[in-house]
Amino acid sequence: MIKLRLKRYGKKREASYRIIAINNLARRDGRPLEELGFYNPRTDEVRLDVPGIVKRLQQGAQPTDTVRRILVKANVFEQVSATATAAS
């Protein structure tokens, strides 16, 4: 199964994260299928590739709890449902 989850990078105590699509059996910092965004918890900076995320979610990717919260704040799930109804 494909998961949308965080990949940690940066120095000690100065972590930043990339939002990635990856196989759920792969390790946390393994090679991702696709990088879909960026999250910095220290400054609350978020950059998202919304069309890429919507595409992955429609293909059945499951976000982790933290990524789900980030996507809810950015109203990404509304766009997923809007494109799903438009395609029907």
PDB file of N, CA and C in Angstrom:
ATOM      1  N   MET A   1       0.835  -1.174   0.000  1.00  0.00           N
ATOM      2  CA  MET A   1       0.000   0.000   0.000  1.00  0.00           C
ATOM      3  C   MET A   1       0.888   1.249   0.000  1.00  0.00           C
ATOM      4  N   ILE A   2       0.440   2.285  -0.689  1.00  0.00           N
ATOM      5  CA  ILE A   2       1.170   3.549  -0.741  1.00  0.00           C
ATOM      6  C   ILE A   2       0.691   4.436   0.413  1.00  0.00           C
ATOM      7  N   LYS A   3       1.645   5.041   1.104  1.00  0.00           N
ATOM      8  CA  LYS A   3       1.342   5.941   2.211  1.00  0.00           C
ATOM      9  C   LYS A   3       1.881   7.329   1.896  1.00  0.00           C
ATOM     10  N   LEU A   4       1.198   8.339   2.372  1.00  0.00           N
ATOM     11  CA  LEU A   4       1.713   9.699   2.367  1.00  0.00           C
ATOM     12  C   LEU A   4       2.229   9.951   3.770  1.00  0.00           C
ATOM     13  N   ARG A   5       3.529  10.146   3.898  1.00  0.00           N
ATOM     14  CA  ARG A   5       4.089  10.331   5.228  1.00  0.00           C
ATOM     15  C   ARG A   5       5.251  11.302   5.211  1.00  0.00           C
ATOM     16  N   LEU A   6       5.798  11.588   6.391  1.00  0.00           N
ATOM     17  CA  LEU A   6       6.872  12.562   6.530  1.00  0.00           C
ATOM     18  C   LEU A   6       8.231  11.878   6.462  1.00  0.00           C
ATOM     19  N   LYS A   7       9.159  12.528   5.765  1.00  0.00           N
ATOM     20  CA  LYS A   7      10.549  12.084   5.705  1.00  0.00           C
ATOM     21  C   LYS A   7      11.383  13.168   6.373  1.00  0.00           C
ATOM     22  N   ARG A   8      12.114  12.798   7.420  1.00  0.00           N
ATOM     23  CA  ARG A   8      12.861  13.770   8.211  1.00  0.00           C
ATOM     24  C   ARG A   8      14.183  14.111   7.544  1.00  0.00           C
ATOM     25  N   TYR A   9      14.555  15.384   7.595  1.00  0.00           N
ATOM     26  CA  TYR A   9      15.893  15.794   7.200  1.00  0.00           C
ATOM     27  C   TYR A   9      16.248  17.063   7.956  1.00  0.00           C
ATOM     28  N   GLY A  10      17.504  17.449   7.928  1.00  0.00           N
ATOM     29  CA  GLY A  10      17.970  18.623   8.660  1.00  0.00           C
ATOM     30  C   GLY A  10      18.884  18.228   9.801  1.00  0.00           C
ATOM     31  N   LYS A  11      19.401  19.253  10.475  1.00  0.00           N
ATOM     32  CA  LYS A  11      20.316  19.010  11.579  1.00  0.00           C
ATOM     33  C   LYS A  11      19.567  18.564  12.833  1.00  0.00           C
ATOM     34  N   LYS A  12      20.337  18.097  13.817  1.00  0.00           N
ATOM     35  CA  LYS A  12      19.749  17.748  15.107  1.00  0.00           C
ATOM     36  C   LYS A  12      19.027  18.955  15.676  1.00  0.00           C
ATOM     37  N   ARG A  13      17.858  18.722  16.238  1.00  0.00           N
ATOM     38  CA  ARG A  13      17.041  19.754  16.865  1.00  0.00           C
ATOM     39  C   ARG A  13      16.578  20.838  15.896  1.00  0.00           C
ATOM     40  N   GLU A  14      16.831  20.665  14.613  1.00  0.00           N
ATOM     41  CA  GLU A  14      16.369  21.610  13.599  1.00  0.00           C
ATOM     42  C   GLU A  14      15.733  20.834  12.456  1.00  0.00           C
ATOM     43  N   ALA A  15      14.898  19.894  12.797  1.00  0.00           N
ATOM     44  CA  ALA A  15      14.330  19.001  11.796  1.00  0.00           C
ATOM     45  C   ALA A  15      13.303  19.710  10.919  1.00  0.00           C
ATOM     46  N   SER A  16      13.299  19.325   9.655  1.00  0.00           N
ATOM     47  CA  SER A  16      12.261  19.687   8.705  1.00  0.00           C
ATOM     48  C   SER A  16      11.809  18.390   8.077  1.00  0.00           C
ATOM     49  N   TYR A  17      10.697  18.428   7.397  1.00  0.00           N
ATOM     50  CA  TYR A  17      10.144  17.201   6.840  1.00  0.00           C
ATOM     51  C   TYR A  17       9.692  17.415   5.410  1.00  0.00           C
ATOM     52  N   ARG A  18       9.826  16.389   4.615  1.00  0.00           N
ATOM     53  CA  ARG A  18       9.242  16.360   3.285  1.00  0.00           C
ATOM     54  C   ARG A  18       8.035  15.431   3.329  1.00  0.00           C
ATOM     55  N   ILE A  19       6.974  15.810   2.668  1.00  0.00           N
ATOM     56  CA  ILE A  19       5.806  14.946   2.552  1.00  0.00           C
ATOM     57  C   ILE A  19       6.020  14.107   1.303  1.00  0.00           C
ATOM     58  N   ILE A  20       6.028  12.785   1.476  1.00  0.00           N
ATOM     59  CA  ILE A  20       6.372  11.890   0.375  1.00  0.00           C
ATOM     60  C   ILE A  20       5.320  10.801   0.204  1.00  0.00           C
ATOM     61  N   ALA A  21       5.283  10.241  -0.982  1.00  0.00           N
ATOM     62  CA  ALA A  21       4.511   9.029  -1.247  1.00  0.00           C
ATOM     63  C   ALA A  21       5.524   7.888  -1.264  1.00  0.00           C
ATOM     64  N   ILE A  22       5.253   6.857  -0.467  1.00  0.00           N
ATOM     65  CA  ILE A  22       6.211   5.763  -0.324  1.00  0.00           C
ATOM     66  C   ILE A  22       5.465   4.479   0.010  1.00  0.00           C
ATOM     67  N   ASN A  23       6.055   3.351  -0.326  1.00  0.00           N
ATOM     68  CA  ASN A  23       5.489   2.061   0.027  1.00  0.00           C
ATOM     69  C   ASN A  23       5.485   1.942   1.551  1.00  0.00           C
ATOM     70  N   ASN A  24       4.416   1.416   2.123  1.00  0.00           N
ATOM     71  CA  ASN A  24       4.314   1.386   3.589  1.00  0.00           C
ATOM     72  C   ASN A  24       5.332   0.454   4.243  1.00  0.00           C
ATOM     73  N   LEU A  25       5.946  -0.442   3.501  1.00  0.00           N
ATOM     74  CA  LEU A  25       6.948  -1.342   4.087  1.00  0.00           C
ATOM     75  C   LEU A  25       8.355  -0.746   4.058  1.00  0.00           C
ATOM     76  N   ALA A  26       8.539   0.357   3.351  1.00  0.00           N
ATOM     77  CA  ALA A  26       9.858   0.980   3.248  1.00  0.00           C
ATOM     78  C   ALA A  26      10.180   1.734   4.536  1.00  0.00           C
ATOM     79  N   ARG A  27      11.463   1.921   4.803  1.00  0.00           N
ATOM     80  CA  ARG A  27      11.868   2.640   6.008  1.00  0.00           C
ATOM     81  C   ARG A  27      11.556   4.135   5.879  1.00  0.00           C
ATOM     82  N   ARG A  28      11.560   4.830   6.998  1.00  0.00           N
ATOM     83  CA  ARG A  28      11.119   6.224   7.052  1.00  0.00           C
ATOM     84  C   ARG A  28      11.888   7.115   6.082  1.00  0.00           C
ATOM     85  N   ASP A  29      13.196   6.969   6.036  1.00  0.00           N
ATOM     86  CA  ASP A  29      14.004   7.839   5.191  1.00  0.00           C
ATOM     87  C   ASP A  29      14.455   7.138   3.916  1.00  0.00           C
ATOM     88  N   GLY A  30      13.701   6.125   3.485  1.00  0.00           N
ATOM     89  CA  GLY A  30      14.037   5.412   2.262  1.00  0.00           C
ATOM     90  C   GLY A  30      13.704   6.234   1.029  1.00  0.00           C
ATOM     91  N   ARG A  31      13.962   5.650  -0.134  1.00  0.00           N
ATOM     92  CA  ARG A  31      13.713   6.348  -1.393  1.00  0.00           C
ATOM     93  C   ARG A  31      12.207   6.457  -1.644  1.00  0.00           C
ATOM     94  N   PRO A  32      11.706   7.681  -1.809  1.00  0.00           N
ATOM     95  CA  PRO A  32      10.267   7.860  -2.022  1.00  0.00           C
ATOM     96  C   PRO A  32       9.879   7.605  -3.476  1.00  0.00           C
ATOM     97  N   LEU A  33       8.615   7.321  -3.693  1.00  0.00           N
ATOM     98  CA  LEU A  33       8.086   7.237  -5.041  1.00  0.00           C
ATOM     99  C   LEU A  33       7.971   8.637  -5.628  1.00  0.00           C
ATOM    100  N   GLU A  34       7.603   9.592  -4.759  1.00  0.00           N
ATOM    101  CA  GLU A  34       7.399  10.968  -5.199  1.00  0.00           C
ATOM    102  C   GLU A  34       7.429  11.897  -3.995  1.00  0.00           C
ATOM    103  N   GLU A  35       8.055  13.067  -4.140  1.00  0.00           N
ATOM    104  CA  GLU A  35       8.032  14.083  -3.094  1.00  0.00           C
ATOM    105  C   GLU A  35       6.898  15.045  -3.399  1.00  0.00           C
ATOM    106  N   LEU A  36       6.019  15.244  -2.423  1.00  0.00           N
ATOM    107  CA  LEU A  36       4.792  15.995  -2.660  1.00  0.00           C
ATOM    108  C   LEU A  36       4.673  17.277  -1.858  1.00  0.00           C
ATOM    109  N   GLY A  37       5.629  17.555  -1.009  1.00  0.00           N
ATOM    110  CA  GLY A  37       5.524  18.781  -0.236  1.00  0.00           C
ATOM    111  C   GLY A  37       6.616  18.898   0.797  1.00  0.00           C
ATOM    112  N   PHE A  38       6.492  19.947   1.605  1.00  0.00           N
ATOM    113  CA  PHE A  38       7.486  20.297   2.606  1.00  0.00           C
ATOM    114  C   PHE A  38       6.763  20.809   3.840  1.00  0.00           C
ATOM    115  N   TYR A  39       7.278  20.467   5.026  1.00  0.00           N
ATOM    116  CA  TYR A  39       6.693  20.941   6.280  1.00  0.00           C
ATOM    117  C   TYR A  39       7.807  21.259   7.262  1.00  0.00           C
ATOM    118  N   ASN A  40       7.781  22.479   7.801  1.00  0.00           N
ATOM    119  CA  ASN A  40       8.737  22.887   8.817  1.00  0.00           C
ATOM    120  C   ASN A  40       7.951  23.203  10.092  1.00  0.00           C
ATOM    121  N   PRO A  41       8.007  22.333  11.099  1.00  0.00           N
ATOM    122  CA  PRO A  41       7.210  22.551  12.313  1.00  0.00           C
ATOM    123  C   PRO A  41       7.689  23.732  13.158  1.00  0.00           C
ATOM    124  N   ARG A  42       8.929  24.149  12.985  1.00  0.00           N
ATOM    125  CA  ARG A  42       9.447  25.258  13.791  1.00  0.00           C
ATOM    126  C   ARG A  42       8.867  26.594  13.347  1.00  0.00           C
ATOM    127  N   THR A  43       8.604  26.746  12.054  1.00  0.00           N
ATOM    128  CA  THR A  43       8.050  28.002  11.544  1.00  0.00           C
ATOM    129  C   THR A  43       6.635  27.817  11.004  1.00  0.00           C
ATOM    130  N   ASP A  44       6.106  26.607  11.055  1.00  0.00           N
ATOM    131  CA  ASP A  44       4.795  26.259  10.497  1.00  0.00           C
ATOM    132  C   ASP A  44       4.706  26.544   8.997  1.00  0.00           C
ATOM    133  N   GLU A  45       5.831  26.471   8.305  1.00  0.00           N
ATOM    134  CA  GLU A  45       5.845  26.660   6.857  1.00  0.00           C
ATOM    135  C   GLU A  45       5.416  25.360   6.185  1.00  0.00           C
ATOM    136  N   VAL A  46       4.481  25.473   5.257  1.00  0.00           N
ATOM    137  CA  VAL A  46       3.989  24.309   4.524  1.00  0.00           C
ATOM    138  C   VAL A  46       3.939  24.659   3.048  1.00  0.00           C
ATOM    139  N   ARG A  47       4.536  23.804   2.214  1.00  0.00           N
ATOM    140  CA  ARG A  47       4.425  23.932   0.758  1.00  0.00           C
ATOM    141  C   ARG A  47       3.934  22.595   0.246  1.00  0.00           C
ATOM    142  N   LEU A  48       2.870  22.602  -0.550  1.00  0.00           N
ATOM    143  CA  LEU A  48       2.271  21.361  -1.025  1.00  0.00           C
ATOM    144  C   LEU A  48       2.138  21.359  -2.539  1.00  0.00           C
ATOM    145  N   ASP A  49       2.364  20.193  -3.132  1.00  0.00           N
ATOM    146  CA  ASP A  49       2.064  19.951  -4.540  1.00  0.00           C
ATOM    147  C   ASP A  49       0.648  19.382  -4.571  1.00  0.00           C
ATOM    148  N   VAL A  50      -0.348  20.281  -4.531  1.00  0.00           N
ATOM    149  CA  VAL A  50      -1.736  19.857  -4.367  1.00  0.00           C
ATOM    150  C   VAL A  50      -2.205  18.926  -5.484  1.00  0.00           C
ATOM    151  N   PRO A  51      -1.936  19.219  -6.771  1.00  0.00           N
ATOM    152  CA  PRO A  51      -2.389  18.272  -7.812  1.00  0.00           C
ATOM    153  C   PRO A  51      -1.778  16.874  -7.650  1.00  0.00           C
ATOM    154  N   GLY A  52      -0.524  16.808  -7.245  1.00  0.00           N
ATOM    155  CA  GLY A  52       0.127  15.511  -7.025  1.00  0.00           C
ATOM    156  C   GLY A  52      -0.472  14.767  -5.848  1.00  0.00           C
ATOM    157  N   ILE A  53      -0.788  15.487  -4.785  1.00  0.00           N
ATOM    158  CA  ILE A  53      -1.396  14.867  -3.604  1.00  0.00           C
ATOM    159  C   ILE A  53      -2.787  14.359  -3.938  1.00  0.00           C
ATOM    160  N   VAL A  54      -3.568  15.177  -4.646  1.00  0.00           N
ATOM    161  CA  VAL A  54      -4.925  14.773  -5.029  1.00  0.00           C
ATOM    162  C   VAL A  54      -4.876  13.513  -5.891  1.00  0.00           C
ATOM    163  N   LYS A  55      -3.928  13.470  -6.828  1.00  0.00           N
ATOM    164  CA  LYS A  55      -3.779  12.298  -7.695  1.00  0.00           C
ATOM    165  C   LYS A  55      -3.468  11.046  -6.877  1.00  0.00           C
ATOM    166  N   ARG A  56      -2.535  11.160  -5.924  1.00  0.00           N
ATOM    167  CA  ARG A  56      -2.166  10.011  -5.088  1.00  0.00           C
ATOM    168  C   ARG A  56      -3.323   9.560  -4.208  1.00  0.00           C
ATOM    169  N   LEU A  57      -4.073  10.511  -3.636  1.00  0.00           N
ATOM    170  CA  LEU A  57      -5.208  10.151  -2.791  1.00  0.00           C
ATOM    171  C   LEU A  57      -6.297   9.449  -3.602  1.00  0.00           C
ATOM    172  N   GLN A  58      -6.515   9.891  -4.835  1.00  0.00           N
ATOM    173  CA  GLN A  58      -7.507   9.237  -5.684  1.00  0.00           C
ATOM    174  C   GLN A  58      -7.069   7.836  -6.087  1.00  0.00           C
ATOM    175  N   GLN A  59      -5.767   7.603  -6.121  1.00  0.00           N
ATOM    176  CA  GLN A  59      -5.241   6.272  -6.440  1.00  0.00           C
ATOM    177  C   GLN A  59      -5.292   5.348  -5.230  1.00  0.00           C
ATOM    178  N   GLY A  60      -5.651   5.872  -4.058  1.00  0.00           N
ATOM    179  CA  GLY A  60      -5.813   5.025  -2.877  1.00  0.00           C
ATOM    180  C   GLY A  60      -4.731   5.156  -1.837  1.00  0.00           C
ATOM    181  N   ALA A  61      -3.855   6.157  -1.954  1.00  0.00           N
ATOM    182  CA  ALA A  61      -2.810   6.351  -0.945  1.00  0.00           C
ATOM    183  C   ALA A  61      -3.438   6.767   0.376  1.00  0.00           C
ATOM    184  N   GLN A  62      -2.874   6.274   1.473  1.00  0.00           N
ATOM    185  CA  GLN A  62      -3.387   6.565   2.816  1.00  0.00           C
ATOM    186  C   GLN A  62      -2.416   7.498   3.539  1.00  0.00           C
ATOM    187  N   PRO A  63      -2.876   8.683   3.974  1.00  0.00           N
ATOM    188  CA  PRO A  63      -1.983   9.575   4.722  1.00  0.00           C
ATOM    189  C   PRO A  63      -1.858   9.139   6.180  1.00  0.00           C
ATOM    190  N   THR A  64      -0.709   9.406   6.772  1.00  0.00           N
ATOM    191  CA  THR A  64      -0.545   9.169   8.203  1.00  0.00           C
ATOM    192  C   THR A  64      -1.339  10.241   8.943  1.00  0.00           C
ATOM    193  N   ASP A  65      -1.481  10.099  10.260  1.00  0.00           N
ATOM    194  CA  ASP A  65      -2.273  11.037  11.046  1.00  0.00           C
ATOM    195  C   ASP A  65      -1.731  12.464  10.946  1.00  0.00           C
ATOM    196  N   THR A  66      -0.411  12.620  11.034  1.00  0.00           N
ATOM    197  CA  THR A  66       0.192  13.949  10.973  1.00  0.00           C
ATOM    198  C   THR A  66      -0.003  14.575   9.601  1.00  0.00           C
ATOM    199  N   VAL A  67       0.222  13.805   8.556  1.00  0.00           N
ATOM    200  CA  VAL A  67       0.036  14.321   7.200  1.00  0.00           C
ATOM    201  C   VAL A  67      -1.435  14.646   6.965  1.00  0.00           C
ATOM    202  N   ARG A  68      -2.328  13.834   7.505  1.00  0.00           N
ATOM    203  CA  ARG A  68      -3.769  14.103   7.364  1.00  0.00           C
ATOM    204  C   ARG A  68      -4.117  15.463   7.977  1.00  0.00           C
ATOM    205  N   ARG A  69      -3.562  15.769   9.155  1.00  0.00           N
ATOM    206  CA  ARG A  69      -3.827  17.062   9.787  1.00  0.00           C
ATOM    207  C   ARG A  69      -3.317  18.221   8.941  1.00  0.00           C
ATOM    208  N   ILE A  70      -2.138  18.054   8.354  1.00  0.00           N
ATOM    209  CA  ILE A  70      -1.573  19.096   7.487  1.00  0.00           C
ATOM    210  C   ILE A  70      -2.471  19.305   6.270  1.00  0.00           C
ATOM    211  N   LEU A  71      -2.956  18.217   5.683  1.00  0.00           N
ATOM    212  CA  LEU A  71      -3.806  18.312   4.495  1.00  0.00           C
ATOM    213  C   LEU A  71      -5.172  18.895   4.820  1.00  0.00           C
ATOM    214  N   VAL A  72      -5.703  18.597   6.006  1.00  0.00           N
ATOM    215  CA  VAL A  72      -6.990  19.172   6.413  1.00  0.00           C
ATOM    216  C   VAL A  72      -6.853  20.679   6.575  1.00  0.00           C
ATOM    217  N   LYS A  73      -5.752  21.146   7.173  1.00  0.00           N
ATOM    218  CA  LYS A  73      -5.524  22.582   7.331  1.00  0.00           C
ATOM    219  C   LYS A  73      -5.449  23.284   5.975  1.00  0.00           C
ATOM    220  N   ALA A  74      -4.902  22.597   4.973  1.00  0.00           N
ATOM    221  CA  ALA A  74      -4.751  23.173   3.636  1.00  0.00           C
ATOM    222  C   ALA A  74      -5.969  22.930   2.752  1.00  0.00           C
ATOM    223  N   ASN A  75      -7.031  22.317   3.290  1.00  0.00           N
ATOM    224  CA  ASN A  75      -8.272  22.038   2.549  1.00  0.00           C
ATOM    225  C   ASN A  75      -8.061  21.177   1.303  1.00  0.00           C
ATOM    226  N   VAL A  76      -7.145  20.237   1.367  1.00  0.00           N
ATOM    227  CA  VAL A  76      -6.860  19.372   0.224  1.00  0.00           C
ATOM    228  C   VAL A  76      -7.970  18.344   0.019  1.00  0.00           C
ATOM    229  N   PHE A  77      -8.573  17.861   1.101  1.00  0.00           N
ATOM    230  CA  PHE A  77      -9.601  16.830   0.967  1.00  0.00           C
ATOM    231  C   PHE A  77     -10.851  17.368   0.272  1.00  0.00           C
ATOM    232  N   GLU A  78     -11.116  18.675   0.415  1.00  0.00           N
ATOM    233  CA  GLU A  78     -12.235  19.280  -0.308  1.00  0.00           C
ATOM    234  C   GLU A  78     -11.988  19.220  -1.810  1.00  0.00           C
ATOM    235  N   GLN A  79     -10.740  19.403  -2.221  1.00  0.00           N
ATOM    236  CA  GLN A  79     -10.403  19.345  -3.645  1.00  0.00           C
ATOM    237  C   GLN A  79     -10.481  17.923  -4.165  1.00  0.00           C
ATOM    238  N   VAL A  80     -10.159  16.953  -3.316  1.00  0.00           N
ATOM    239  CA  VAL A  80     -10.256  15.548  -3.725  1.00  0.00           C
ATOM    240  C   VAL A  80     -11.714  15.199  -3.985  1.00  0.00           C
ATOM    241  N   SER A  81     -12.605  15.599  -3.088  1.00  0.00           N
ATOM    242  CA  SER A  81     -14.021  15.284  -3.276  1.00  0.00           C
ATOM    243  C   SER A  81     -14.614  16.064  -4.442  1.00  0.00           C
ATOM    244  N   ALA A  82     -14.131  17.284  -4.673  1.00  0.00           N
ATOM    245  CA  ALA A  82     -14.626  18.088  -5.791  1.00  0.00           C
ATOM    246  C   ALA A  82     -14.226  17.478  -7.128  1.00  0.00           C
ATOM    247  N   THR A  83     -12.988  16.985  -7.232  1.00  0.00           N
ATOM    248  CA  THR A  83     -12.555  16.377  -8.488  1.00  0.00           C
ATOM    249  C   THR A  83     -13.208  15.013  -8.685  1.00  0.00           C
ATOM    250  N   ALA A  84     -13.525  14.321  -7.576  1.00  0.00           N
ATOM    251  CA  ALA A  84     -14.184  13.031  -7.690  1.00  0.00           C
ATOM    252  C   ALA A  84     -15.617  13.192  -8.211  1.00  0.00           C
ATOM    253  N   THR A  85     -16.316  14.224  -7.729  1.00  0.00           N
ATOM    254  CA  THR A  85     -17.690  14.453  -8.206  1.00  0.00           C
ATOM    255  C   THR A  85     -17.699  15.011  -9.617  1.00  0.00           C
ATOM    256  N   ALA A  86     -16.692  15.777  -9.989  1.00  0.00           N
ATOM    257  CA  ALA A  86     -16.607  16.331 -11.342  1.00  0.00           C
ATOM    258  C   ALA A  86     -16.325  15.219 -12.356  1.00  0.00           C
ATOM    259  N   ALA A  87     -15.556  14.224 -11.934  1.00  0.00           N
ATOM    260  CA  ALA A  87     -15.215  13.115 -12.837  1.00  0.00           C
ATOM    261  C   ALA A  87     -16.395  12.156 -13.030  1.00  0.00           C
ATOM    262  N   SER A  88     -17.320  12.128 -12.067  1.00  0.00           N
ATOM    263  CA  SER A  88     -18.456  11.209 -12.136  1.00  0.00           C
ATOM    264  C   SER A  88     -19.495  11.629 -13.126  1.00  0.00           C
TER     265      SER A  88
END
